[in-house]
Amino acid sequence: MTFRRKATWLSLTLALLLIVLSACGKGGNIAGTSGNESAKETADTEKTTLTLLIDNQTAIDGIQAVADEIKRELNIETKIELRPGGTEGDNVVKTRLATSDMADLMFYNSGSLFKALNPQEYFVDLTNEPFMDNVLDSFKDTVSVDGKVYGIPGGSTVGGAWLYNKKIYSELGLSVPKTWDELLANNDKIKEAGYTPVIGSFSDSWTSQLVVLADYYNVHSLAPNFAEDYTYNKAKYATTPEALRSFEKLQSLRDKKHFNDDATATKLEDALAMLAEGKAAHYPILTLVLTNINANYPEMMDDIGAFAQPSDAADVNGLTIWMPGGIYANKEGSNIDAAKKWLEFFVSPEGVKAYLTAMKPEGPMPIKGVELPDDTYAAVKEMLPYFESGNTAPALEFYSPIKGPSLEQITVEVATGISSAAEGAAKYDSDVEKQALQLGLEGW
């Protein structure tokens, strides 16, 4: 999950907290069964200890808070084992699975990286557990293989969204755009008023990918087989009109001169300042940066909103999201019943509430019926309707294991006029070929 790792790395360099978990806070509630009556039966038994393996790049405050509550309520103690992140950490996970040395519980990526672990062999099937009814189907899809579900969400989602300055919108009488043409029209009015329409922060090149990556909800809606066909070399970005459109949108921002003139020299922190201080109207980015904005401009947080990247039709309007890592129970664990009760508590109202005592939301949790606390960022609140209406889709990397390493350089080229949209899409099709061959995927 290259993109997310880069975001995480950057957030570390900026002293950001890593993926902060969200949704309801004090008084938050999850619809349906609490699921904890059966779990609490464990509290009457002897103390149980479970081990949890997690990477050392993930903020564990929320998980630790839930673990503390589980110890108090269920008499299950959690011993957290830290492993490296990145490729080194992946190798640790694979080695421990292969040698039957895995912890009782494991926090790990959802999506294609998890599915590559052969979950059927190593993890407990949670498909028919009643507490899984609380988990959104969009998350289940990212931890399912052959129709069986293996994990619960270990945190909140992050949106690939357009953050916008609500004061500028109010001053100019603008409405949140539902189509790409409406967005471009807003940009024209913003430019005429003397503001920067869209922030490009290409000095941190990973940020240049968002217009393409955040468009995946639209691609998925209009070409639902694209991810599978793309994985098995039956479809290309350059020859699939719905996918090529993602690159064309990026080019259109360049053609209309909607980016700031110094985009190639602008860094992420500069971009956040421009947005918060009302010098620019839009910034397409991951919503994890809300923590950074709040750290430096807390008084401006109510001025920052978020909307999904528009399609070309108002009736296709949804948010591309990055799912949190999952928590999985080891099939060879020391106490599978206790592990299930641990997972059940984690997604219960009590578990979510405990989690949020240590975290501030950056995006909704993929759990049904969660209510956000009053002090949730305004931008996160504006993401909720997409979840409530079912208009979300995980990013392509959750559906397909191939993601070219050069996308961020290619999108900088398209955004700055070095390459056209068609040229950029073709370059990216070539970029993913090496990875597909390394993975041994059929069709390549």
Protein backbone atom coordinates (compact mmCIF):
# COMPACT_ATOMS: atom_id res chain seq x y z
CA MET A 1 0.00 0.00 0.00
CA THR A 2 2.59 2.38 -1.18
CA PHE A 3 0.55 5.56 -1.16
CA ARG A 4 -0.62 5.18 2.40
CA ARG A 5 2.85 4.38 3.61
CA LYS A 6 4.15 7.51 2.01
CA ALA A 7 1.44 9.51 3.69
CA THR A 8 2.36 7.92 6.98
CA TRP A 9 6.05 8.63 6.48
CA LEU A 10 5.32 12.21 5.71
CA SER A 11 3.06 12.61 8.66
CA LEU A 12 5.91 11.37 10.84
CA THR A 13 8.32 13.86 9.38
CA LEU A 14 5.87 16.60 10.19
CA ALA A 15 5.34 15.27 13.67
CA LEU A 16 1.80 14.33 12.76
CA LEU A 17 0.08 11.58 14.56
CA LEU A 18 -0.51 8.54 12.36
CA ILE A 19 -3.90 7.35 11.40
CA VAL A 20 -6.13 8.71 14.11
CA LEU A 21 -9.35 6.92 14.67
CA SER A 22 -12.74 8.39 14.47
CA ALA A 23 -16.45 8.37 14.60
CA CYS A 24 -18.50 8.63 17.75
CA GLY A 25 -17.20 9.94 21.00
CA LYS A 26 -18.73 10.50 24.35
CA GLY A 27 -22.28 9.39 24.05
CA GLY A 28 -21.58 7.76 20.69
CA ASN A 29 -23.72 4.78 19.88
CA ILE A 30 -23.75 1.92 17.47
CA ALA A 31 -27.04 0.70 16.18
CA GLY A 32 -28.03 -2.90 16.62
CA THR A 33 -26.86 -5.27 19.28
CA SER A 34 -24.17 -4.14 21.65
CA GLY A 35 -22.69 -7.57 21.31
CA ASN A 36 -21.07 -7.45 24.71
CA GLU A 37 -23.38 -9.47 26.89
CA SER A 38 -21.82 -12.69 25.72
CA ALA A 39 -18.36 -11.16 25.76
CA LYS A 40 -18.72 -10.09 29.38
CA GLU A 41 -19.27 -13.70 30.40
CA THR A 42 -15.53 -14.06 30.03
CA ALA A 43 -15.05 -11.63 32.91
CA ASP A 44 -16.35 -14.29 35.25
CA THR A 45 -13.68 -16.71 34.15
CA GLU A 46 -10.01 -16.86 34.98
CA LYS A 47 -7.75 -14.19 33.63
CA THR A 48 -6.71 -14.75 30.01
CA THR A 49 -3.77 -13.21 28.21
CA LEU A 50 -3.71 -12.61 24.46
CA THR A 51 -0.85 -11.31 22.36
CA LEU A 52 -1.37 -8.67 19.67
CA LEU A 53 1.22 -8.05 16.95
CA ILE A 54 1.23 -4.54 15.52
CA ASP A 55 3.69 -2.44 13.54
CA ASN A 56 5.67 0.28 15.26
CA GLN A 57 4.47 2.99 12.86
CA THR A 58 0.84 2.89 13.92
CA ALA A 59 -0.40 5.06 16.78
CA ILE A 60 -1.68 2.60 19.34
CA ASP A 61 -3.31 4.99 21.81
CA GLY A 62 -6.80 4.02 20.74
CA ILE A 63 -6.06 0.30 20.60
CA GLN A 64 -4.40 0.46 23.99
CA ALA A 65 -7.44 2.26 25.42
CA VAL A 66 -9.73 -0.51 24.17
CA ALA A 67 -7.34 -3.17 25.44
CA ASP A 68 -7.42 -1.56 28.89
CA GLU A 69 -11.20 -1.62 28.84
CA ILE A 70 -11.21 -5.25 27.71
CA LYS A 71 -8.98 -6.14 30.64
CA ARG A 72 -11.36 -4.40 33.03
CA GLU A 73 -14.57 -5.74 31.52
CA LEU A 74 -13.57 -9.17 30.24
CA ASN A 75 -10.54 -10.09 32.34
CA ILE A 76 -8.54 -10.49 29.14
CA GLU A 77 -5.10 -8.91 29.24
CA THR A 78 -3.49 -7.81 25.97
CA LYS A 79 0.26 -8.02 25.50
CA ILE A 80 1.24 -5.84 22.56
CA GLU A 81 4.18 -7.01 20.46
CA LEU A 82 5.71 -4.42 18.13
CA ARG A 83 7.21 -5.28 14.77
CA PRO A 84 8.91 -3.10 12.15
CA GLY A 85 6.84 -1.40 9.49
CA GLY A 86 7.30 -1.52 5.74
CA THR A 87 8.88 -4.38 3.84
CA GLU A 88 10.85 -5.53 6.87
CA GLY A 89 7.66 -5.81 8.86
CA ASP A 90 5.92 -7.67 6.05
CA ASN A 91 8.69 -10.22 6.11
CA VAL A 92 8.31 -10.61 9.88
CA VAL A 93 4.59 -11.29 9.45
CA LYS A 94 5.13 -13.83 6.69
CA THR A 95 7.87 -15.61 8.62
CA ARG A 96 5.84 -15.82 11.81
CA LEU A 97 2.85 -17.18 9.92
CA ALA A 98 4.95 -19.74 8.09
CA THR A 99 6.58 -20.94 11.32
CA SER A 100 3.36 -21.04 13.36
CA ASP A 101 4.74 -18.29 15.59
CA MET A 102 2.04 -15.68 15.02
CA ALA A 103 0.51 -13.77 17.94
CA ASP A 104 -3.09 -14.47 18.98
CA LEU A 105 -4.21 -11.28 17.26
CA MET A 106 -2.59 -9.38 14.41
CA PHE A 107 -3.03 -5.79 13.25
CA TYR A 108 -2.19 -5.59 9.55
CA ASN A 109 -3.21 -3.91 6.31
CA SER A 110 -6.58 -4.55 4.83
CA GLY A 111 -6.96 -4.95 1.09
CA SER A 112 -4.63 -6.59 -1.37
CA LEU A 113 -1.64 -6.93 0.99
CA PHE A 114 -3.74 -8.85 3.51
CA LYS A 115 -5.29 -11.04 0.83
CA ALA A 116 -1.80 -11.94 -0.40
CA LEU A 117 -1.14 -13.62 2.99
CA ASN A 118 -3.47 -16.51 2.13
CA PRO A 119 -5.87 -15.70 5.00
CA GLN A 120 -7.79 -18.97 4.62
CA GLU A 121 -4.80 -20.85 5.96
CA TYR A 122 -3.93 -18.64 8.92
CA PHE A 123 -6.90 -16.68 10.26
CA VAL A 124 -10.23 -17.38 11.94
CA ASP A 125 -13.28 -17.07 9.69
CA LEU A 126 -15.49 -14.36 11.22
CA THR A 127 -18.17 -14.38 8.53
CA ASN A 128 -21.00 -15.67 10.70
CA GLU A 129 -20.06 -13.97 13.96
CA PRO A 130 -23.03 -11.76 15.02
CA PHE A 131 -20.78 -8.82 15.87
CA MET A 132 -19.70 -8.62 12.23
CA ASP A 133 -23.17 -7.25 11.47
CA ASN A 134 -21.91 -3.93 12.87
CA VAL A 135 -19.12 -3.68 10.32
CA LEU A 136 -19.74 -1.90 7.02
CA ASP A 137 -19.73 -4.12 3.95
CA SER A 138 -17.24 -1.80 2.26
CA PHE A 139 -14.68 -2.74 4.91
CA LYS A 140 -15.59 -6.42 4.85
CA ASP A 141 -14.81 -6.46 1.14
CA THR A 142 -11.22 -5.51 1.91
CA VAL A 143 -10.67 -8.39 4.36
CA SER A 144 -12.64 -11.09 2.56
CA VAL A 145 -11.44 -13.98 0.42
CA ASP A 146 -13.75 -16.40 -1.36
CA GLY A 147 -16.76 -14.96 0.44
CA LYS A 148 -15.33 -15.36 3.95
CA VAL A 149 -14.54 -12.42 6.22
CA TYR A 150 -11.41 -12.49 8.38
CA GLY A 151 -11.03 -9.13 10.13
CA ILE A 152 -12.54 -6.20 11.98
CA PRO A 153 -11.56 -2.56 11.34
CA GLY A 154 -8.69 -1.46 13.55
CA GLY A 155 -9.49 2.24 13.23
CA SER A 156 -11.12 4.88 11.07
CA THR A 157 -11.24 5.51 7.38
CA VAL A 158 -9.38 8.32 5.62
CA GLY A 159 -11.02 10.12 2.75
CA GLY A 160 -9.42 11.07 -0.54
CA ALA A 161 -11.29 14.36 -0.61
CA TRP A 162 -11.26 17.94 -1.74
CA LEU A 163 -10.72 20.06 1.35
CA TYR A 164 -12.11 23.54 0.80
CA ASN A 165 -12.16 26.90 2.54
CA LYS A 166 -15.75 27.54 3.56
CA LYS A 167 -15.18 31.27 4.07
CA ILE A 168 -14.19 31.70 0.43
CA TYR A 169 -17.19 29.66 -0.66
CA SER A 170 -19.48 31.81 1.49
CA GLU A 171 -17.95 35.08 0.31
CA LEU A 172 -18.36 34.14 -3.35
CA GLY A 173 -21.76 32.47 -2.94
CA LEU A 174 -20.52 29.10 -4.17
CA SER A 175 -22.10 25.68 -3.64
CA VAL A 176 -20.30 22.37 -3.23
CA PRO A 177 -19.93 21.03 -6.79
CA LYS A 178 -21.63 17.78 -7.80
CA THR A 179 -20.01 17.57 -11.24
CA TRP A 180 -16.52 18.21 -12.57
CA ASP A 181 -17.81 21.07 -14.75
CA GLU A 182 -19.33 22.69 -11.66
CA LEU A 183 -15.98 22.39 -9.89
CA LEU A 184 -14.17 24.04 -12.80
CA ALA A 185 -16.79 26.81 -12.86
CA ASN A 186 -16.25 27.41 -9.15
CA ASN A 187 -12.52 27.53 -9.78
CA ASP A 188 -12.97 30.20 -12.45
CA LYS A 189 -14.95 32.38 -10.04
CA ILE A 190 -12.40 31.84 -7.29
CA LYS A 191 -9.57 32.82 -9.63
CA GLU A 192 -11.42 35.95 -10.76
CA ALA A 193 -11.79 36.93 -7.11
CA GLY A 194 -8.02 36.77 -6.64
CA TYR A 195 -7.70 33.50 -4.75
CA THR A 196 -5.82 30.37 -5.76
CA PRO A 197 -8.46 27.87 -6.95
CA VAL A 198 -6.52 24.63 -6.37
CA ILE A 199 -3.37 24.05 -4.36
CA GLY A 200 -0.67 21.94 -5.94
CA SER A 201 2.09 20.88 -3.55
CA PHE A 202 4.27 18.99 -5.98
CA SER A 203 7.45 19.52 -4.00
CA ASP A 204 5.98 16.68 -1.94
CA SER A 205 5.27 14.67 -5.06
CA TRP A 206 3.06 12.03 -3.45
CA THR A 207 0.36 14.68 -3.01
CA SER A 208 0.10 15.04 -6.80
CA GLN A 209 -1.58 11.62 -7.06
CA LEU A 210 -4.79 12.55 -5.28
CA VAL A 211 -6.80 13.78 -8.27
CA VAL A 212 -6.20 10.43 -9.97
CA LEU A 213 -6.54 8.21 -6.90
CA ALA A 214 -9.53 10.02 -5.40
CA ASP A 215 -11.39 9.56 -8.67
CA TYR A 216 -11.63 5.82 -8.14
CA TYR A 217 -15.19 5.95 -6.74
CA ASN A 218 -16.25 7.33 -10.12
CA VAL A 219 -14.25 4.72 -12.06
CA HIS A 220 -15.68 1.94 -9.89
CA SER A 221 -19.23 3.23 -10.37
CA LEU A 222 -18.99 3.55 -14.12
CA ALA A 223 -16.70 0.58 -14.90
CA PRO A 224 -17.28 -1.87 -12.03
CA ASN A 225 -15.06 -4.58 -13.55
CA PHE A 226 -12.09 -2.29 -14.03
CA ALA A 227 -10.17 -3.38 -10.91
CA GLU A 228 -10.30 -7.08 -11.77
CA ASP A 229 -9.66 -6.52 -15.46
CA TYR A 230 -6.79 -4.16 -14.65
CA THR A 231 -5.26 -6.71 -12.28
CA TYR A 232 -5.28 -9.43 -14.92
CA ASN A 233 -4.15 -7.22 -17.79
CA LYS A 234 -7.54 -7.09 -19.48
CA ALA A 235 -7.95 -3.33 -19.04
CA LYS A 236 -5.65 -0.32 -19.13
CA TYR A 237 -5.89 3.21 -17.86
CA ALA A 238 -5.05 4.52 -21.32
CA THR A 239 -7.77 2.54 -23.12
CA THR A 240 -10.56 2.56 -20.52
CA PRO A 241 -12.38 5.88 -20.93
CA GLU A 242 -13.68 5.94 -17.33
CA ALA A 243 -10.14 5.43 -15.98
CA LEU A 244 -8.42 7.72 -18.45
CA ARG A 245 -10.84 10.42 -17.30
CA SER A 246 -8.99 10.52 -13.95
CA PHE A 247 -5.84 11.72 -15.73
CA GLU A 248 -7.89 14.05 -17.93
CA LYS A 249 -9.31 15.79 -14.86
CA LEU A 250 -5.79 16.46 -13.64
CA GLN A 251 -4.82 17.85 -17.02
CA SER A 252 -7.91 20.09 -17.08
CA LEU A 253 -6.77 21.80 -13.88
CA ARG A 254 -3.46 22.53 -15.55
CA ASP A 255 -5.08 23.68 -18.82
CA LYS A 256 -7.34 26.07 -16.90
CA LYS A 257 -4.37 27.35 -14.86
CA HIS A 258 -6.17 26.58 -11.63
CA PHE A 259 -3.07 25.50 -9.71
CA ASN A 260 -0.90 27.98 -7.82
CA ASP A 261 1.99 29.30 -9.93
CA ASP A 262 4.60 27.92 -7.52
CA ALA A 263 3.07 24.43 -7.25
CA THR A 264 6.35 22.65 -7.99
CA ALA A 265 8.03 24.42 -5.07
CA THR A 266 5.11 24.14 -2.66
CA LYS A 267 5.29 21.59 0.13
CA LEU A 268 2.49 20.00 2.10
CA GLU A 269 2.87 22.31 5.09
CA ASP A 270 2.75 25.35 2.74
CA ALA A 271 -0.42 23.99 1.18
CA LEU A 272 -2.14 23.52 4.52
CA ALA A 273 -1.25 27.08 5.49
CA MET A 274 -2.67 28.44 2.23
CA LEU A 275 -5.93 26.58 2.79
CA ALA A 276 -6.31 27.41 6.47
CA GLU A 277 -5.40 31.09 6.05
CA GLY A 278 -7.88 31.54 3.21
CA LYS A 279 -5.35 32.22 0.46
CA ALA A 280 -6.56 29.24 -1.57
CA ALA A 281 -9.93 27.55 -1.92
CA HIS A 282 -9.28 23.86 -2.64
CA TYR A 283 -6.74 21.17 -1.78
CA PRO A 284 -7.28 17.59 -3.02
CA ILE A 285 -5.62 15.47 -0.32
CA LEU A 286 -6.07 12.70 2.24
CA THR A 287 -8.07 13.80 5.26
CA LEU A 288 -5.38 12.59 7.64
CA VAL A 289 -3.87 16.08 7.25
CA LEU A 290 -6.73 17.47 9.34
CA THR A 291 -4.69 16.64 12.43
CA ASN A 292 -1.85 18.79 11.14
CA ILE A 293 -4.18 21.70 10.35
CA ASN A 294 -5.69 21.43 13.79
CA ALA A 295 -2.24 21.46 15.40
CA ASN A 296 -1.22 24.67 13.66
CA TYR A 297 -4.51 26.45 12.98
CA PRO A 298 -7.03 25.19 15.54
CA GLU A 299 -9.10 28.34 15.27
CA MET A 300 -9.56 27.70 11.54
CA MET A 301 -10.88 24.15 11.72
CA ASP A 302 -14.52 25.15 11.35
CA ASP A 303 -13.60 26.94 8.11
CA ILE A 304 -12.39 23.74 6.44
CA GLY A 305 -14.89 21.47 4.71
CA ALA A 306 -14.59 18.38 2.52
CA PHE A 307 -16.36 17.00 -0.53
CA ALA A 308 -15.85 14.04 -2.85
CA GLN A 309 -14.12 14.42 -6.18
CA PRO A 310 -16.97 15.04 -8.63
CA SER A 311 -17.75 12.84 -11.61
CA ASP A 312 -19.19 14.13 -14.87
CA ALA A 313 -22.78 13.45 -13.74
CA ALA A 314 -24.49 14.64 -10.57
CA ASP A 315 -26.07 11.24 -9.96
CA VAL A 316 -22.63 9.65 -9.56
CA ASN A 317 -21.31 11.32 -6.47
CA GLY A 318 -19.32 9.42 -3.88
CA LEU A 319 -16.17 9.38 -1.80
CA THR A 320 -13.04 7.30 -2.35
CA ILE A 321 -11.77 6.10 1.00
CA TRP A 322 -8.70 4.44 2.42
CA MET A 323 -9.66 1.71 4.84
CA PRO A 324 -7.91 1.23 8.17
CA GLY A 325 -5.84 -1.81 8.90
CA GLY A 326 -7.69 -4.86 10.15
CA ILE A 327 -7.33 -6.93 13.31
CA TYR A 328 -7.31 -10.67 12.70
CA ALA A 329 -7.46 -13.74 14.98
CA ASN A 330 -4.78 -16.38 14.51
CA LYS A 331 -6.33 -19.74 13.65
CA GLU A 332 -3.60 -21.39 15.75
CA GLY A 333 -3.90 -18.92 18.63
CA SER A 334 -3.82 -19.91 22.29
CA ASN A 335 -7.48 -19.10 22.97
CA ILE A 336 -9.69 -18.50 19.94
CA ASP A 337 -12.85 -18.00 21.99
CA ALA A 338 -11.17 -15.22 23.97
CA ALA A 339 -9.83 -13.73 20.74
CA LYS A 340 -13.35 -13.58 19.30
CA LYS A 341 -14.64 -11.87 22.43
CA TRP A 342 -11.76 -9.39 22.16
CA LEU A 343 -12.75 -8.58 18.58
CA GLU A 344 -16.43 -8.40 19.54
CA PHE A 345 -15.70 -5.85 22.23
CA PHE A 346 -13.53 -3.77 19.89
CA VAL A 347 -16.43 -3.07 17.48
CA SER A 348 -19.04 -2.69 20.24
CA PRO A 349 -20.31 0.70 21.46
CA GLU A 350 -18.15 0.35 24.56
CA GLY A 351 -15.12 -0.46 22.46
CA VAL A 352 -15.62 2.47 20.09
CA LYS A 353 -16.17 4.83 22.99
CA ALA A 354 -12.98 3.66 24.69
CA TYR A 355 -11.09 4.06 21.45
CA LEU A 356 -12.23 7.63 21.01
CA THR A 357 -11.20 8.65 24.46
CA ALA A 358 -7.68 8.62 23.09
CA MET A 359 -8.27 9.73 19.51
CA LYS A 360 -9.88 12.57 17.54
CA PRO A 361 -11.69 11.61 14.34
CA GLU A 362 -10.13 12.20 10.91
CA GLY A 363 -12.77 10.16 9.15
CA PRO A 364 -15.76 7.97 10.00
CA MET A 365 -15.20 4.47 11.30
CA PRO A 366 -16.44 1.70 9.01
CA ILE A 367 -18.93 0.62 11.65
CA LYS A 368 -22.69 1.03 11.37
CA GLY A 369 -24.63 3.60 13.34
CA VAL A 370 -21.70 5.52 14.77
CA GLU A 371 -22.48 9.07 15.80
CA LEU A 372 -19.71 11.62 15.72
CA PRO A 373 -18.92 13.63 18.84
CA ASP A 374 -19.77 17.31 18.81
CA ASP A 375 -16.15 18.42 18.56
CA THR A 376 -15.45 16.38 15.43
CA TYR A 377 -13.77 18.32 12.64
CA ALA A 378 -16.31 20.01 10.35
CA ALA A 379 -14.67 18.36 7.34
CA VAL A 380 -15.19 14.90 8.81
CA LYS A 381 -18.85 15.69 9.53
CA GLU A 382 -19.26 16.61 5.86
CA MET A 383 -17.97 13.16 4.89
CA LEU A 384 -20.70 11.38 6.82
CA PRO A 385 -23.52 11.63 4.25
CA TYR A 386 -21.42 9.67 1.76
CA PHE A 387 -21.17 6.84 4.29
CA GLU A 388 -24.80 7.03 5.34
CA SER A 389 -25.98 6.82 1.74
CA GLY A 390 -23.57 4.03 0.86
CA ASN A 391 -21.75 6.24 -1.64
CA THR A 392 -18.20 5.27 -0.78
CA ALA A 393 -15.67 2.98 -2.39
CA PRO A 394 -12.24 1.88 -1.20
CA ALA A 395 -9.33 3.11 -3.28
CA LEU A 396 -8.13 0.91 -6.14
CA GLU A 397 -5.21 -0.40 -4.09
CA PHE A 398 -7.71 -2.22 -1.87
CA TYR A 399 -9.04 -4.10 -4.88
CA SER A 400 -5.87 -4.71 -6.85
CA PRO A 401 -2.35 -5.68 -5.70
CA ILE A 402 -0.63 -3.68 -8.42
CA LYS A 403 0.28 -0.05 -7.96
CA GLY A 404 3.08 1.41 -9.98
CA PRO A 405 5.91 3.06 -8.03
CA SER A 406 6.17 6.00 -10.43
CA LEU A 407 2.62 7.29 -10.29
CA GLU A 408 3.58 10.37 -8.29
CA GLN A 409 6.21 11.38 -10.85
CA ILE A 410 3.76 10.74 -13.69
CA THR A 411 1.02 12.82 -12.11
CA VAL A 412 3.46 15.68 -11.53
CA GLU A 413 4.27 15.52 -15.25
CA VAL A 414 0.60 15.70 -16.19
CA ALA A 415 -0.14 18.47 -13.71
CA THR A 416 2.76 20.59 -14.96
CA GLY A 417 2.33 20.03 -18.69
CA ILE A 418 5.29 17.73 -19.32
CA SER A 419 2.90 14.96 -20.33
CA SER A 420 -0.67 14.92 -21.57
CA ALA A 421 -3.34 12.90 -19.78
CA ALA A 422 -3.16 10.20 -22.46
CA GLU A 423 0.63 10.05 -22.23
CA GLY A 424 0.51 9.89 -18.45
CA ALA A 425 -2.03 7.09 -18.45
CA ALA A 426 0.05 5.10 -20.93
CA LYS A 427 3.18 5.62 -18.83
CA TYR A 428 1.36 4.36 -15.77
CA ASP A 429 0.17 1.27 -17.61
CA SER A 430 3.81 0.49 -18.34
CA ASP A 431 4.82 1.36 -14.79
CA VAL A 432 2.64 -1.35 -13.23
CA GLU A 433 3.81 -4.08 -15.60
CA LYS A 434 7.00 -4.89 -13.70
CA GLN A 435 5.15 -5.25 -10.42
CA ALA A 436 2.48 -7.45 -11.99
CA LEU A 437 5.17 -9.74 -13.39
CA GLN A 438 6.90 -9.89 -10.01
CA LEU A 439 3.62 -10.90 -8.40
CA GLY A 440 3.10 -13.60 -11.00
CA LEU A 441 -0.38 -12.42 -11.87
CA GLU A 442 -2.25 -14.18 -14.62
CA GLY A 443 -2.45 -12.40 -17.94
CA TRP A 444 0.89 -10.62 -17.76
